[in-house]
PDB file of all heavy atoms in Angstrom:
ATOM      1  N   ASN A   1       0.907  -1.161   0.043  1.00  0.00           N
ATOM      2  CA  ASN A   1      -0.008  -0.006   0.018  1.00  0.00           C
ATOM      3  C   ASN A   1       0.924   1.218   0.021  1.00  0.00           C
ATOM      4  O   ASN A   1       1.671   1.395   0.907  1.00  0.00           O
ATOM      5  CB  ASN A   1      -0.919   0.028   1.223  1.00  0.00           C
ATOM      6  CG  ASN A   1      -1.865  -1.136   1.241  1.00  0.00           C
ATOM      7  OD1 ASN A   1      -2.305  -1.569   0.201  1.00  0.00           O
ATOM      8  ND2 ASN A   1      -2.144  -1.745   2.384  1.00  0.00           N
ATOM      9  N   ARG A   2       0.776   2.025  -1.015  1.00  0.00           N
ATOM     10  CA  ARG A   2       1.612   3.275  -1.174  1.00  0.00           C
ATOM     11  C   ARG A   2       0.810   4.540  -0.709  1.00  0.00           C
ATOM     12  O   ARG A   2      -0.443   4.505  -1.143  1.00  0.00           O
ATOM     13  CB  ARG A   2       2.146   3.401  -2.543  1.00  0.00           C
ATOM     14  CG  ARG A   2       3.240   2.330  -2.840  1.00  0.00           C
ATOM     15  CD  ARG A   2       3.716   2.528  -4.261  1.00  0.00           C
ATOM     16  NE  ARG A   2       4.745   1.520  -4.665  1.00  0.00           N
ATOM     17  CZ  ARG A   2       4.625   0.321  -5.138  1.00  0.00           C
ATOM     18  NH1 ARG A   2       3.357  -0.039  -5.263  1.00  0.00           N
ATOM     19  NH2 ARG A   2       5.541  -0.454  -5.311  1.00  0.00           N
ATOM     20  N   GLN A   3       1.429   5.437  -0.120  1.00  0.00           N
ATOM     21  CA  GLN A   3       0.567   6.640   0.357  1.00  0.00           C
ATOM     22  C   GLN A   3       1.423   7.807   0.002  1.00  0.00           C
ATOM     23  O   GLN A   3       2.613   7.914   0.340  1.00  0.00           O
ATOM     24  CB  GLN A   3       0.283   6.527   1.874  1.00  0.00           C
ATOM     25  CG  GLN A   3      -0.528   7.747   2.326  1.00  0.00           C
ATOM     26  CD  GLN A   3      -0.841   7.613   3.760  1.00  0.00           C
ATOM     27  OE1 GLN A   3       0.053   7.043   4.604  1.00  0.00           O
ATOM     28  NE2 GLN A   3      -1.907   8.301   4.169  1.00  0.00           N
ATOM     29  N   ILE A   4       0.890   8.758  -0.573  1.00  0.00           N
ATOM     30  CA  ILE A   4       1.502  10.148  -0.861  1.00  0.00           C
ATOM     31  C   ILE A   4       0.591  11.090  -0.327  1.00  0.00           C
ATOM     32  O   ILE A   4      -0.609  11.130  -0.560  1.00  0.00           O
ATOM     33  CB  ILE A   4       1.773  10.438  -2.296  1.00  0.00           C
ATOM     34  CG1 ILE A   4       2.694   9.379  -2.937  1.00  0.00           C
ATOM     35  CG2 ILE A   4       2.357  11.838  -2.597  1.00  0.00           C
ATOM     36  CD1 ILE A   4       2.934   9.454  -4.393  1.00  0.00           C
ATOM     37  N   ALA A   5       1.098  12.100   0.567  1.00  0.00           N
ATOM     38  CA  ALA A   5       0.229  13.036   1.244  1.00  0.00           C
ATOM     39  C   ALA A   5       0.950  14.351   1.294  1.00  0.00           C
ATOM     40  O   ALA A   5       2.154  14.441   1.321  1.00  0.00           O
ATOM     41  CB  ALA A   5      -0.154  12.566   2.632  1.00  0.00           C
ATOM     42  N   GLY A   6       0.077  15.405   1.238  1.00  0.00           N
ATOM     43  CA  GLY A   6       0.616  16.771   1.437  1.00  0.00           C
ATOM     44  C   GLY A   6      -0.337  17.538   2.345  1.00  0.00           C
ATOM     45  O   GLY A   6      -1.553  17.285   2.277  1.00  0.00           O
ATOM     46  N   GLN A   7       0.237  18.538   3.030  1.00  0.00           N
ATOM     47  CA  GLN A   7      -0.643  19.277   3.859  1.00  0.00           C
ATOM     48  C   GLN A   7      -0.106  20.678   4.081  1.00  0.00           C
ATOM     49  O   GLN A   7       1.092  20.968   3.996  1.00  0.00           O
ATOM     50  CB  GLN A   7      -0.790  18.587   5.251  1.00  0.00           C
ATOM     51  CG  GLN A   7       0.573  18.451   6.004  1.00  0.00           C
ATOM     52  CD  GLN A   7       0.389  17.775   7.327  1.00  0.00           C
ATOM     53  OE1 GLN A   7      -0.618  17.105   7.604  1.00  0.00           O
ATOM     54  NE2 GLN A   7       1.422  17.645   8.153  1.00  0.00           N
ATOM     55  N   LEU A   8      -1.052  21.605   4.351  1.00  0.00           N
ATOM     56  CA  LEU A   8      -0.738  22.983   4.763  1.00  0.00           C
ATOM     57  C   LEU A   8      -1.382  23.202   6.150  1.00  0.00           C
ATOM     58  O   LEU A   8      -2.573  23.098   6.287  1.00  0.00           O
ATOM     59  CB  LEU A   8      -1.183  23.965   3.623  1.00  0.00           C
ATOM     60  CG  LEU A   8      -0.830  25.459   3.811  1.00  0.00           C
ATOM     61  CD1 LEU A   8       0.713  25.610   3.642  1.00  0.00           C
ATOM     62  CD2 LEU A   8      -1.578  26.304   2.887  1.00  0.00           C
ATOM     63  N   THR A   9      -0.519  23.560   7.154  1.00  0.00           N
ATOM     64  CA  THR A   9      -1.122  23.671   8.403  1.00  0.00           C
ATOM     65  C   THR A   9      -0.920  25.050   8.878  1.00  0.00           C
ATOM     66  O   THR A   9       0.200  25.651   8.827  1.00  0.00           O
ATOM     67  CB  THR A   9      -0.315  22.673   9.418  1.00  0.00           C
ATOM     68  OG1 THR A   9      -0.442  21.347   8.871  1.00  0.00           O
ATOM     69  CG2 THR A   9      -0.767  22.831  10.825  1.00  0.00           C
ATOM     70  N   ALA A  10      -1.962  25.625   9.441  1.00  0.00           N
ATOM     71  CA  ALA A  10      -1.958  26.984  10.047  1.00  0.00           C
ATOM     72  C   ALA A  10      -2.385  26.799  11.622  1.00  0.00           C
ATOM     73  O   ALA A  10      -3.284  26.096  11.890  1.00  0.00           O
ATOM     74  CB  ALA A  10      -2.884  27.935   9.461  1.00  0.00           C
ATOM     75  N   ARG A  11      -1.501  27.497  12.432  1.00  0.00           N
ATOM     76  CA  ARG A  11      -1.846  27.379  13.815  1.00  0.00           C
ATOM     77  C   ARG A  11      -1.998  28.825  14.445  1.00  0.00           C
ATOM     78  O   ARG A  11      -1.177  29.629  14.202  1.00  0.00           O
ATOM     79  CB  ARG A  11      -0.666  26.721  14.563  1.00  0.00           C
ATOM     80  CG  ARG A  11      -0.808  26.725  16.098  1.00  0.00           C
ATOM     81  CD  ARG A  11       0.407  26.029  16.781  1.00  0.00           C
ATOM     82  NE  ARG A  11       0.405  26.116  18.184  1.00  0.00           N
ATOM     83  CZ  ARG A  11       0.865  27.217  18.852  1.00  0.00           C
ATOM     84  NH1 ARG A  11       1.353  28.209  18.232  1.00  0.00           N
ATOM     85  NH2 ARG A  11       0.825  27.208  20.207  1.00  0.00           N
ATOM     86  N   VAL A  12      -3.221  29.026  15.068  1.00  0.00           N
ATOM     87  CA  VAL A  12      -3.523  30.311  15.660  1.00  0.00           C
ATOM     88  C   VAL A  12      -3.677  30.198  17.078  1.00  0.00           C
ATOM     89  O   VAL A  12      -4.625  29.544  17.549  1.00  0.00           O
ATOM     90  CB  VAL A  12      -4.734  30.904  14.944  1.00  0.00           C
ATOM     91  CG1 VAL A  12      -5.027  32.274  15.475  1.00  0.00           C
ATOM     92  CG2 VAL A  12      -4.587  30.985  13.435  1.00  0.00           C
ATOM     93  N   PRO A  13      -2.870  30.889  17.981  1.00  0.00           N
ATOM     94  CA  PRO A  13      -3.146  30.717  19.464  1.00  0.00           C
ATOM     95  C   PRO A  13      -4.254  31.527  19.828  1.00  0.00           C
ATOM     96  O   PRO A  13      -4.429  32.686  19.365  1.00  0.00           O
ATOM     97  CB  PRO A  13      -1.768  31.330  19.941  1.00  0.00           C
ATOM     98  CG  PRO A  13      -1.281  32.201  18.867  1.00  0.00           C
ATOM     99  CD  PRO A  13      -1.636  31.577  17.602  1.00  0.00           C
ATOM    100  N   LEU A  14      -5.168  31.074  20.632  1.00  0.00           N
ATOM    101  CA  LEU A  14      -6.363  31.746  21.080  1.00  0.00           C
ATOM    102  C   LEU A  14      -6.258  32.161  22.497  1.00  0.00           C
ATOM    103  O   LEU A  14      -6.548  33.298  22.925  1.00  0.00           O
ATOM    104  CB  LEU A  14      -7.615  30.871  20.798  1.00  0.00           C
ATOM    105  CG  LEU A  14      -7.872  30.658  19.256  1.00  0.00           C
ATOM    106  CD1 LEU A  14      -9.072  29.712  19.042  1.00  0.00           C
ATOM    107  CD2 LEU A  14      -7.966  31.953  18.473  1.00  0.00           C
ATOM    108  N   PHE A  15      -5.791  31.213  23.276  1.00  0.00           N
ATOM    109  CA  PHE A  15      -5.828  31.427  24.788  1.00  0.00           C
ATOM    110  C   PHE A  15      -4.704  30.461  25.436  1.00  0.00           C
ATOM    111  O   PHE A  15      -4.678  29.365  25.206  1.00  0.00           O
ATOM    112  CB  PHE A  15      -7.192  31.137  25.418  1.00  0.00           C
ATOM    113  CG  PHE A  15      -7.144  31.348  26.887  1.00  0.00           C
ATOM    114  CD1 PHE A  15      -7.127  32.698  27.473  1.00  0.00           C
ATOM    115  CD2 PHE A  15      -7.199  30.260  27.812  1.00  0.00           C
ATOM    116  CE1 PHE A  15      -7.145  32.909  28.829  1.00  0.00           C
ATOM    117  CE2 PHE A  15      -7.263  30.545  29.069  1.00  0.00           C
ATOM    118  CZ  PHE A  15      -7.276  31.801  29.580  1.00  0.00           C
ATOM    119  N   THR A  16      -3.822  31.199  26.108  1.00  0.00           N
ATOM    120  CA  THR A  16      -2.788  30.394  26.746  1.00  0.00           C
ATOM    121  C   THR A  16      -2.698  30.576  28.323  1.00  0.00           C
ATOM    122  O   THR A  16      -1.668  30.298  28.920  1.00  0.00           O
ATOM    123  CB  THR A  16      -1.404  30.815  26.147  1.00  0.00           C
ATOM    124  OG1 THR A  16      -1.150  32.237  26.508  1.00  0.00           O
ATOM    125  CG2 THR A  16      -1.308  30.619  24.667  1.00  0.00           C
ATOM    126  N   GLY A  17      -3.781  31.045  28.897  1.00  0.00           N
ATOM    127  CA  GLY A  17      -3.787  31.168  30.273  1.00  0.00           C
ATOM    128  C   GLY A  17      -2.918  32.213  30.768  1.00  0.00           C
ATOM    129  O   GLY A  17      -2.437  32.134  31.976  1.00  0.00           O
ATOM    130  N   GLY A  18      -2.573  33.204  30.087  1.00  0.00           N
ATOM    131  CA  GLY A  18      -1.706  34.317  30.481  1.00  0.00           C
ATOM    132  C   GLY A  18      -0.145  33.976  30.297  1.00  0.00           C
ATOM    133  O   GLY A  18       0.712  34.712  30.712  1.00  0.00           O
ATOM    134  N   LEU A  19       0.105  32.813  29.700  1.00  0.00           N
ATOM    135  CA  LEU A  19       1.623  32.438  29.507  1.00  0.00           C
ATOM    136  C   LEU A  19       2.257  33.445  28.648  1.00  0.00           C
ATOM    137  O   LEU A  19       3.326  33.918  28.918  1.00  0.00           O
ATOM    138  CB  LEU A  19       1.638  30.971  28.988  1.00  0.00           C
ATOM    139  CG  LEU A  19       3.031  30.512  28.634  1.00  0.00           C
ATOM    140  CD1 LEU A  19       3.929  30.515  29.844  1.00  0.00           C
ATOM    141  CD2 LEU A  19       2.965  29.156  27.954  1.00  0.00           C
ATOM    142  N   ASN A  20       1.748  33.776  27.507  1.00  0.00           N
ATOM    143  CA  ASN A  20       2.287  34.591  26.521  1.00  0.00           C
ATOM    144  C   ASN A  20       2.553  36.011  27.159  1.00  0.00           C
ATOM    145  O   ASN A  20       3.724  36.570  27.000  1.00  0.00           O
ATOM    146  CB  ASN A  20       1.564  34.780  25.226  1.00  0.00           C
ATOM    147  CG  ASN A  20       1.422  33.479  24.473  1.00  0.00           C
ATOM    148  OD1 ASN A  20       2.282  32.643  24.677  1.00  0.00           O
ATOM    149  ND2 ASN A  20       0.546  33.425  23.598  1.00  0.00           N
ATOM    150  N   ALA A  21       1.662  36.560  27.805  1.00  0.00           N
ATOM    151  CA  ALA A  21       1.734  37.872  28.455  1.00  0.00           C
ATOM    152  C   ALA A  21       2.849  37.825  29.541  1.00  0.00           C
ATOM    153  O   ALA A  21       3.708  38.799  29.592  1.00  0.00           O
ATOM    154  CB  ALA A  21       0.415  38.330  28.996  1.00  0.00           C
ATOM    155  N   SER A  22       2.913  36.902  30.311  1.00  0.00           N
ATOM    156  CA  SER A  22       3.939  36.618  31.363  1.00  0.00           C
ATOM    157  C   SER A  22       5.395  36.630  30.638  1.00  0.00           C
ATOM    158  O   SER A  22       6.316  37.221  31.071  1.00  0.00           O
ATOM    159  CB  SER A  22       3.632  35.464  32.132  1.00  0.00           C
ATOM    160  OG  SER A  22       4.809  35.289  33.128  1.00  0.00           O
ATOM    161  N   ASN A  23       5.531  35.865  29.561  1.00  0.00           N
ATOM    162  CA  ASN A  23       6.816  35.808  28.871  1.00  0.00           C
ATOM    163  C   ASN A  23       7.193  37.105  28.332  1.00  0.00           C
ATOM    164  O   ASN A  23       8.403  37.510  28.426  1.00  0.00           O
ATOM    165  CB  ASN A  23       6.645  34.691  27.740  1.00  0.00           C
ATOM    166  CG  ASN A  23       6.574  33.329  28.247  1.00  0.00           C
ATOM    167  OD1 ASN A  23       7.012  33.039  29.433  1.00  0.00           O
ATOM    168  ND2 ASN A  23       6.071  32.404  27.412  1.00  0.00           N
ATOM    169  N   VAL A  24       6.283  37.932  27.748  1.00  0.00           N
ATOM    170  CA  VAL A  24       6.616  39.235  27.273  1.00  0.00           C
ATOM    171  C   VAL A  24       7.075  40.104  28.464  1.00  0.00           C
ATOM    172  O   VAL A  24       8.081  40.865  28.290  1.00  0.00           O
ATOM    173  CB  VAL A  24       5.405  39.881  26.603  1.00  0.00           C
ATOM    174  CG1 VAL A  24       5.704  41.296  26.155  1.00  0.00           C
ATOM    175  CG2 VAL A  24       5.053  39.029  25.313  1.00  0.00           C
ATOM    176  N   ARG A  25       6.371  40.123  29.546  1.00  0.00           N
ATOM    177  CA  ARG A  25       6.757  40.980  30.791  1.00  0.00           C
ATOM    178  C   ARG A  25       8.128  40.555  31.194  1.00  0.00           C
ATOM    179  O   ARG A  25       8.948  41.361  31.512  1.00  0.00           O
ATOM    180  CB  ARG A  25       5.747  40.917  31.813  1.00  0.00           C
ATOM    181  CG  ARG A  25       4.409  41.549  31.453  1.00  0.00           C
ATOM    182  CD  ARG A  25       3.467  41.737  32.751  1.00  0.00           C
ATOM    183  NE  ARG A  25       3.184  40.395  33.352  1.00  0.00           N
ATOM    184  CZ  ARG A  25       2.091  39.643  33.050  1.00  0.00           C
ATOM    185  NH1 ARG A  25       1.279  40.156  32.169  1.00  0.00           N
ATOM    186  NH2 ARG A  25       1.847  38.517  33.643  1.00  0.00           N
ATOM    187  N   ALA A  26       8.405  39.279  31.211  1.00  0.00           N
ATOM    188  CA  ALA A  26       9.681  38.847  31.728  1.00  0.00           C
ATOM    189  C   ALA A  26      10.764  39.261  30.745  1.00  0.00           C
ATOM    190  O   ALA A  26      11.799  39.676  31.128  1.00  0.00           O
ATOM    191  CB  ALA A  26       9.682  37.328  31.939  1.00  0.00           C
ATOM    192  N   ALA A  27      10.590  39.063  29.425  1.00  0.00           N
ATOM    193  CA  ALA A  27      11.599  39.532  28.491  1.00  0.00           C
ATOM    194  C   ALA A  27      11.834  41.017  28.535  1.00  0.00           C
ATOM    195  O   ALA A  27      12.979  41.461  28.335  1.00  0.00           O
ATOM    196  CB  ALA A  27      11.060  39.172  27.179  1.00  0.00           C
ATOM    197  N   ARG A  28      10.865  41.798  28.832  1.00  0.00           N
ATOM    198  CA  ARG A  28      10.967  43.233  28.999  1.00  0.00           C
ATOM    199  C   ARG A  28      11.828  43.597  30.205  1.00  0.00           C
ATOM    200  O   ARG A  28      12.724  44.509  30.103  1.00  0.00           O
ATOM    201  CB  ARG A  28       9.632  43.964  29.135  1.00  0.00           C
ATOM    202  CG  ARG A  28       8.868  44.191  27.858  1.00  0.00           C
ATOM    203  CD  ARG A  28       9.537  45.146  26.980  1.00  0.00           C
ATOM    204  NE  ARG A  28       8.791  45.521  25.717  1.00  0.00           N
ATOM    205  CZ  ARG A  28       9.240  46.119  24.736  1.00  0.00           C
ATOM    206  NH1 ARG A  28      10.533  46.453  24.746  1.00  0.00           N
ATOM    207  NH2 ARG A  28       8.512  46.480  23.748  1.00  0.00           N
ATOM    208  N   GLU A  29      11.663  42.876  31.223  1.00  0.00           N
ATOM    209  CA  GLU A  29      12.540  43.140  32.440  1.00  0.00           C
ATOM    210  C   GLU A  29      13.853  42.703  32.180  1.00  0.00           C
ATOM    211  O   GLU A  29      14.850  43.471  32.682  1.00  0.00           O
ATOM    212  CB  GLU A  29      11.904  42.488  33.690  1.00  0.00           C
ATOM    213  CG  GLU A  29      10.521  43.042  34.137  1.00  0.00           C
ATOM    214  CD  GLU A  29      10.551  44.514  34.441  1.00  0.00           C
ATOM    215  OE1 GLU A  29      11.629  44.946  34.927  1.00  0.00           O
ATOM    216  OE2 GLU A  29       9.595  45.214  34.071  1.00  0.00           O
ATOM    217  N   ARG A  30      14.140  41.708  31.481  1.00  0.00           N
ATOM    218  CA  ARG A  30      15.472  41.235  31.199  1.00  0.00           C
ATOM    219  C   ARG A  30      16.169  42.229  30.196  1.00  0.00           C
ATOM    220  O   ARG A  30      17.360  42.449  30.356  1.00  0.00           O
ATOM    221  CB  ARG A  30      15.562  39.882  30.548  1.00  0.00           C
ATOM    222  CG  ARG A  30      15.306  38.769  31.657  1.00  0.00           C
ATOM    223  CD  ARG A  30      15.559  37.352  30.967  1.00  0.00           C
ATOM    224  NE  ARG A  30      14.465  36.912  30.102  1.00  0.00           N
ATOM    225  CZ  ARG A  30      13.381  36.278  30.456  1.00  0.00           C
ATOM    226  NH1 ARG A  30      13.305  35.851  31.741  1.00  0.00           N
ATOM    227  NH2 ARG A  30      12.520  35.935  29.612  1.00  0.00           N
ATOM    228  N   GLU A  31      15.291  42.854  29.319  1.00  0.00           N
ATOM    229  CA  GLU A  31      15.825  43.866  28.524  1.00  0.00           C
ATOM    230  C   GLU A  31      16.289  45.161  29.369  1.00  0.00           C
ATOM    231  O   GLU A  31      17.323  45.745  29.086  1.00  0.00           O
ATOM    232  CB  GLU A  31      14.794  44.261  27.538  1.00  0.00           C
ATOM    233  CG  GLU A  31      15.309  45.373  26.425  1.00  0.00           C
ATOM    234  CD  GLU A  31      14.197  45.892  25.577  1.00  0.00           C
ATOM    235  OE1 GLU A  31      13.012  45.799  26.041  1.00  0.00           O
ATOM    236  OE2 GLU A  31      14.469  46.438  24.483  1.00  0.00           O
ATOM    237  N   ASN A  32      15.424  45.403  30.329  1.00  0.00           N
ATOM    238  CA  ASN A  32      15.728  46.490  31.256  1.00  0.00           C
ATOM    239  C   ASN A  32      16.992  46.313  31.953  1.00  0.00           C
ATOM    240  O   ASN A  32      17.953  47.186  32.056  1.00  0.00           O
ATOM    241  CB  ASN A  32      14.618  46.796  32.224  1.00  0.00           C
ATOM    242  CG  ASN A  32      13.400  47.375  31.509  1.00  0.00           C
ATOM    243  OD1 ASN A  32      13.469  48.067  30.579  1.00  0.00           O
ATOM    244  ND2 ASN A  32      12.287  47.194  32.126  1.00  0.00           N
ATOM    245  N   ALA A  33      17.193  45.076  32.458  1.00  0.00           N
ATOM    246  CA  ALA A  33      18.377  44.709  33.140  1.00  0.00           C
ATOM    247  C   ALA A  33      19.646  44.773  32.243  1.00  0.00           C
ATOM    248  O   ALA A  33      20.726  45.227  32.700  1.00  0.00           O
ATOM    249  CB  ALA A  33      18.208  43.288  33.693  1.00  0.00           C
ATOM    250  N   ALA A  34      19.530  44.299  31.034  1.00  0.00           N
ATOM    251  CA  ALA A  34      20.586  44.403  30.064  1.00  0.00           C
ATOM    252  C   ALA A  34      20.939  45.918  29.781  1.00  0.00           C
ATOM    253  O   ALA A  34      22.183  46.228  29.686  1.00  0.00           O
ATOM    254  CB  ALA A  34      20.317  43.714  28.681  1.00  0.00           C
ATOM    255  N   ARG A  35      19.941  46.815  29.695  1.00  0.00           N
ATOM    256  CA  ARG A  35      20.165  48.211  29.435  1.00  0.00           C
ATOM    257  C   ARG A  35      20.959  48.810  30.611  1.00  0.00           C
ATOM    258  O   ARG A  35      21.832  49.695  30.466  1.00  0.00           O
ATOM    259  CB  ARG A  35      18.913  48.903  29.126  1.00  0.00           C
ATOM    260  CG  ARG A  35      19.104  50.360  28.779  1.00  0.00           C
ATOM    261  CD  ARG A  35      17.727  51.029  28.414  1.00  0.00           C
ATOM    262  NE  ARG A  35      17.094  50.291  27.338  1.00  0.00           N
ATOM    263  CZ  ARG A  35      16.049  49.555  27.445  1.00  0.00           C
ATOM    264  NH1 ARG A  35      15.488  49.401  28.708  1.00  0.00           N
ATOM    265  NH2 ARG A  35      15.531  48.877  26.457  1.00  0.00           N
ATOM    266  N   ILE A  36      20.470  48.517  31.866  1.00  0.00           N
ATOM    267  CA  ILE A  36      21.150  49.031  33.041  1.00  0.00           C
ATOM    268  C   ILE A  36      22.570  48.483  33.082  1.00  0.00           C
ATOM    269  O   ILE A  36      23.536  49.198  33.541  1.00  0.00           O
ATOM    270  CB  ILE A  36      20.296  48.592  34.303  1.00  0.00           C
ATOM    271  CG1 ILE A  36      18.941  49.293  34.231  1.00  0.00           C
ATOM    272  CG2 ILE A  36      21.114  48.934  35.514  1.00  0.00           C
ATOM    273  CD1 ILE A  36      17.961  48.705  35.300  1.00  0.00           C
ATOM    274  N   ALA A  37      22.852  47.241  32.693  1.00  0.00           N
ATOM    275  CA  ALA A  37      24.149  46.676  32.625  1.00  0.00           C
ATOM    276  C   ALA A  37      25.132  47.530  31.817  1.00  0.00           C
ATOM    277  O   ALA A  37      26.229  47.624  32.034  1.00  0.00           O
ATOM    278  CB  ALA A  37      24.079  45.218  32.188  1.00  0.00           C
ATOM    279  N   VAL A  38      24.534  48.032  30.655  1.00  0.00           N
ATOM    280  CA  VAL A  38      25.393  48.865  29.839  1.00  0.00           C
ATOM    281  C   VAL A  38      25.855  50.170  30.582  1.00  0.00           C
ATOM    282  O   VAL A  38      27.096  50.526  30.530  1.00  0.00           O
ATOM    283  CB  VAL A  38      24.619  49.255  28.551  1.00  0.00           C
ATOM    284  CG1 VAL A  38      25.423  50.202  27.676  1.00  0.00           C
ATOM    285  CG2 VAL A  38      24.265  48.067  27.720  1.00  0.00           C
ATOM    286  N   ASP A  39      24.981  50.807  31.281  1.00  0.00           N
ATOM    287  CA  ASP A  39      25.388  51.888  32.083  1.00  0.00           C
ATOM    288  C   ASP A  39      26.401  51.447  33.211  1.00  0.00           C
ATOM    289  O   ASP A  39      27.362  52.295  33.416  1.00  0.00           O
ATOM    290  CB  ASP A  39      24.087  52.563  32.675  1.00  0.00           C
ATOM    291  CG  ASP A  39      23.120  53.136  31.709  1.00  0.00           C
ATOM    292  OD1 ASP A  39      23.672  53.512  30.621  1.00  0.00           O
ATOM    293  OD2 ASP A  39      21.905  53.283  31.986  1.00  0.00           O
ATOM    294  N   GLY A  40      26.213  50.441  33.853  1.00  0.00           N
ATOM    295  CA  GLY A  40      27.140  49.939  34.778  1.00  0.00           C
ATOM    296  C   GLY A  40      28.494  49.658  34.194  1.00  0.00           C
ATOM    297  O   GLY A  40      29.483  50.061  34.844  1.00  0.00           O
ATOM    298  N   ALA A  41      28.501  49.058  33.005  1.00  0.00           N
ATOM    299  CA  ALA A  41      29.815  48.757  32.324  1.00  0.00           C
ATOM    300  C   ALA A  41      30.461  50.096  31.962  1.00  0.00           C
ATOM    301  O   ALA A  41      31.717  50.199  32.130  1.00  0.00           O
ATOM    302  CB  ALA A  41      29.593  47.991  31.120  1.00  0.00           C
ATOM    303  N   LYS A  42      29.704  51.110  31.558  1.00  0.00           N
ATOM    304  CA  LYS A  42      30.417  52.342  31.297  1.00  0.00           C
ATOM    305  C   LYS A  42      30.994  53.074  32.455  1.00  0.00           C
ATOM    306  O   LYS A  42      32.135  53.535  32.339  1.00  0.00           O
ATOM    307  CB  LYS A  42      29.352  53.318  30.645  1.00  0.00           C
ATOM    308  CG  LYS A  42      28.962  52.879  29.207  1.00  0.00           C
ATOM    309  CD  LYS A  42      27.835  53.930  28.624  1.00  0.00           C
ATOM    310  CE  LYS A  42      27.416  53.565  27.295  1.00  0.00           C
ATOM    311  NZ  LYS A  42      26.399  54.472  26.733  1.00  0.00           N
TER     312      LYS A  42
END
């Protein structure tokens, strides 16, 4: 039995229980820390 298949998949996030928002806030704070580190290095 031979099988040939093709597919096009789209994934749309609808609700993650606040995970994505938390990740963005954490990334922003790490960015702030990195910016402050530049001033400290100077």
